[in-house]
Amino acid sequence: MPEAIAGFFFFAAISMVIFALVSVSATLLLVLAFAIGFFTVGGMIGLYSAAAGQYPTSLRTTGLGWGIGIGRIGAILGPNVAGVLMDLGWEQADYFLILTVPLLFAMISTAMLGKQGESA
């Protein structure tokens, strides 16, 4: 299952790069925005089930709670960082390219969970 989640993050990153670099019709941009949201949110939801398998039963709810809480911190900081970058004069394409970094990190981390599960 972690490989499928990593695939979601991979497709989210690819969609994000295309969204940043391609200047085409509004329809294609809407399709790309949908793909970014679909694959990003789908991957994050998949992480809940993958994370549950990483904790012993006695710590499972605490571990997932911490993970969700840290995710909420990112949800708060993300728009603030975007505002700062825009205020500094960053181009929109550069900002979206930077957003691929966390997606790629999530993809690699999740893929490594799958490898860890194979060796255990």
Protein backbone atom coordinates (compact mmCIF):
# COMPACT_ATOMS: atom_id res chain seq x y z
CA MET A 1 0.00 0.00 0.00
CA PRO A 2 2.78 2.56 0.66
CA GLU A 3 3.82 2.21 -2.98
CA ALA A 4 0.34 3.29 -4.11
CA ILE A 5 0.46 6.28 -1.78
CA ALA A 6 3.91 7.19 -3.09
CA GLY A 7 2.42 7.00 -6.59
CA PHE A 8 -0.25 9.50 -5.59
CA PHE A 9 2.43 11.94 -4.42
CA PHE A 10 4.43 11.33 -7.61
CA PHE A 11 1.45 12.21 -9.80
CA ALA A 12 0.69 15.23 -7.62
CA ALA A 13 4.27 16.47 -8.10
CA ILE A 14 4.14 15.90 -11.88
CA SER A 15 0.81 17.75 -12.06
CA MET A 16 2.28 20.59 -10.01
CA VAL A 17 5.30 20.95 -12.32
CA ILE A 18 3.09 20.97 -15.41
CA PHE A 19 0.79 23.50 -13.74
CA ALA A 20 3.79 25.74 -13.00
CA LEU A 21 5.46 25.53 -16.40
CA VAL A 22 2.61 25.34 -18.89
CA SER A 23 0.63 28.40 -19.83
CA VAL A 24 -2.40 27.11 -21.70
CA SER A 25 -6.15 27.27 -21.65
CA ALA A 26 -8.13 27.79 -18.48
CA THR A 27 -9.76 24.39 -18.99
CA LEU A 28 -6.42 22.56 -18.87
CA LEU A 29 -5.36 24.56 -15.83
CA LEU A 30 -8.58 23.53 -14.07
CA VAL A 31 -7.93 19.89 -14.96
CA LEU A 32 -4.39 20.19 -13.60
CA ALA A 33 -5.62 21.90 -10.43
CA PHE A 34 -8.10 19.05 -9.97
CA ALA A 35 -5.31 16.49 -10.47
CA ILE A 36 -3.08 18.27 -7.96
CA GLY A 37 -5.84 18.28 -5.35
CA PHE A 38 -6.97 14.73 -6.09
CA PHE A 39 -3.51 13.18 -5.83
CA THR A 40 -2.30 15.32 -2.92
CA VAL A 41 -5.38 14.80 -0.74
CA GLY A 42 -5.62 11.15 -1.78
CA GLY A 43 -2.02 10.59 -0.74
CA MET A 44 -2.50 12.36 2.58
CA ILE A 45 -5.59 10.32 3.39
CA GLY A 46 -3.71 7.15 2.47
CA LEU A 47 -1.00 8.14 4.92
CA TYR A 48 -3.46 7.76 7.81
CA SER A 49 -3.84 4.06 7.15
CA ALA A 50 -0.13 3.59 6.43
CA ALA A 51 0.84 5.46 9.61
CA ALA A 52 -1.47 3.31 11.71
CA GLY A 53 0.63 0.29 10.85
CA GLN A 54 3.82 2.00 12.01
CA TYR A 55 2.80 2.35 15.66
CA PRO A 56 2.18 -0.30 18.29
CA THR A 57 -1.46 -0.57 19.26
CA SER A 58 -0.96 1.19 22.59
CA LEU A 59 0.48 4.30 20.86
CA ARG A 60 -1.50 4.28 17.63
CA THR A 61 -4.00 7.03 18.42
CA THR A 62 -1.35 9.25 19.99
CA GLY A 63 0.98 8.81 17.02
CA LEU A 64 -1.74 9.53 14.47
CA GLY A 65 -2.93 12.50 16.54
CA TRP A 66 0.55 13.99 16.53
CA GLY A 67 0.86 13.41 12.80
CA ILE A 68 -2.48 15.08 12.10
CA GLY A 69 -1.58 17.97 14.43
CA ILE A 70 1.74 18.57 12.69
CA GLY A 71 -0.11 18.49 9.38
CA ARG A 72 -2.42 21.21 10.66
CA ILE A 73 0.60 23.35 11.52
CA GLY A 74 1.71 22.98 7.89
CA ALA A 75 -1.77 23.96 6.74
CA ILE A 76 -1.49 27.14 8.77
CA LEU A 77 2.08 28.00 7.78
CA GLY A 78 1.67 27.21 4.07
CA PRO A 79 -0.53 30.16 3.12
CA ASN A 80 1.59 32.47 5.28
CA VAL A 81 4.77 31.36 3.51
CA ALA A 82 3.00 31.84 0.18
CA GLY A 83 2.12 35.39 1.16
CA VAL A 84 5.70 36.15 2.16
CA LEU A 85 7.06 34.72 -1.09
CA MET A 86 4.56 36.72 -3.13
CA ASP A 87 5.47 39.84 -1.16
CA LEU A 88 9.14 39.19 -1.98
CA GLY A 89 8.22 39.22 -5.67
CA TRP A 90 8.36 35.52 -6.44
CA GLU A 91 6.69 34.50 -9.66
CA GLN A 92 3.74 32.16 -9.39
CA ALA A 93 5.53 29.47 -11.42
CA ASP A 94 8.51 29.52 -9.04
CA TYR A 95 6.21 29.15 -6.06
CA PHE A 96 4.46 26.12 -7.55
CA LEU A 97 7.80 24.54 -8.42
CA ILE A 98 8.89 24.93 -4.79
CA LEU A 99 5.66 23.20 -3.74
CA THR A 100 6.81 20.06 -5.53
CA VAL A 101 9.60 19.60 -2.96
CA PRO A 102 7.30 18.50 -0.08
CA LEU A 103 5.40 16.25 -2.49
CA LEU A 104 8.62 14.56 -3.59
CA PHE A 105 9.73 14.25 0.04
CA ALA A 106 6.39 12.62 0.88
CA MET A 107 6.75 10.29 -2.11
CA ILE A 108 10.25 9.16 -1.12
CA SER A 109 9.37 8.82 2.57
CA THR A 110 6.28 6.78 1.82
CA ALA A 111 8.15 4.55 -0.63
CA MET A 112 10.73 3.93 2.09
CA LEU A 113 7.92 2.83 4.44
CA GLY A 114 7.07 0.18 1.87
CA LYS A 115 10.69 -1.01 1.76
CA GLN A 116 10.83 -1.06 5.55
CA GLY A 117 7.70 -3.21 5.65
CA GLU A 118 9.25 -5.71 3.18
CA SER A 119 12.37 -6.15 5.34
CA ALA A 120 10.44 -6.53 8.62
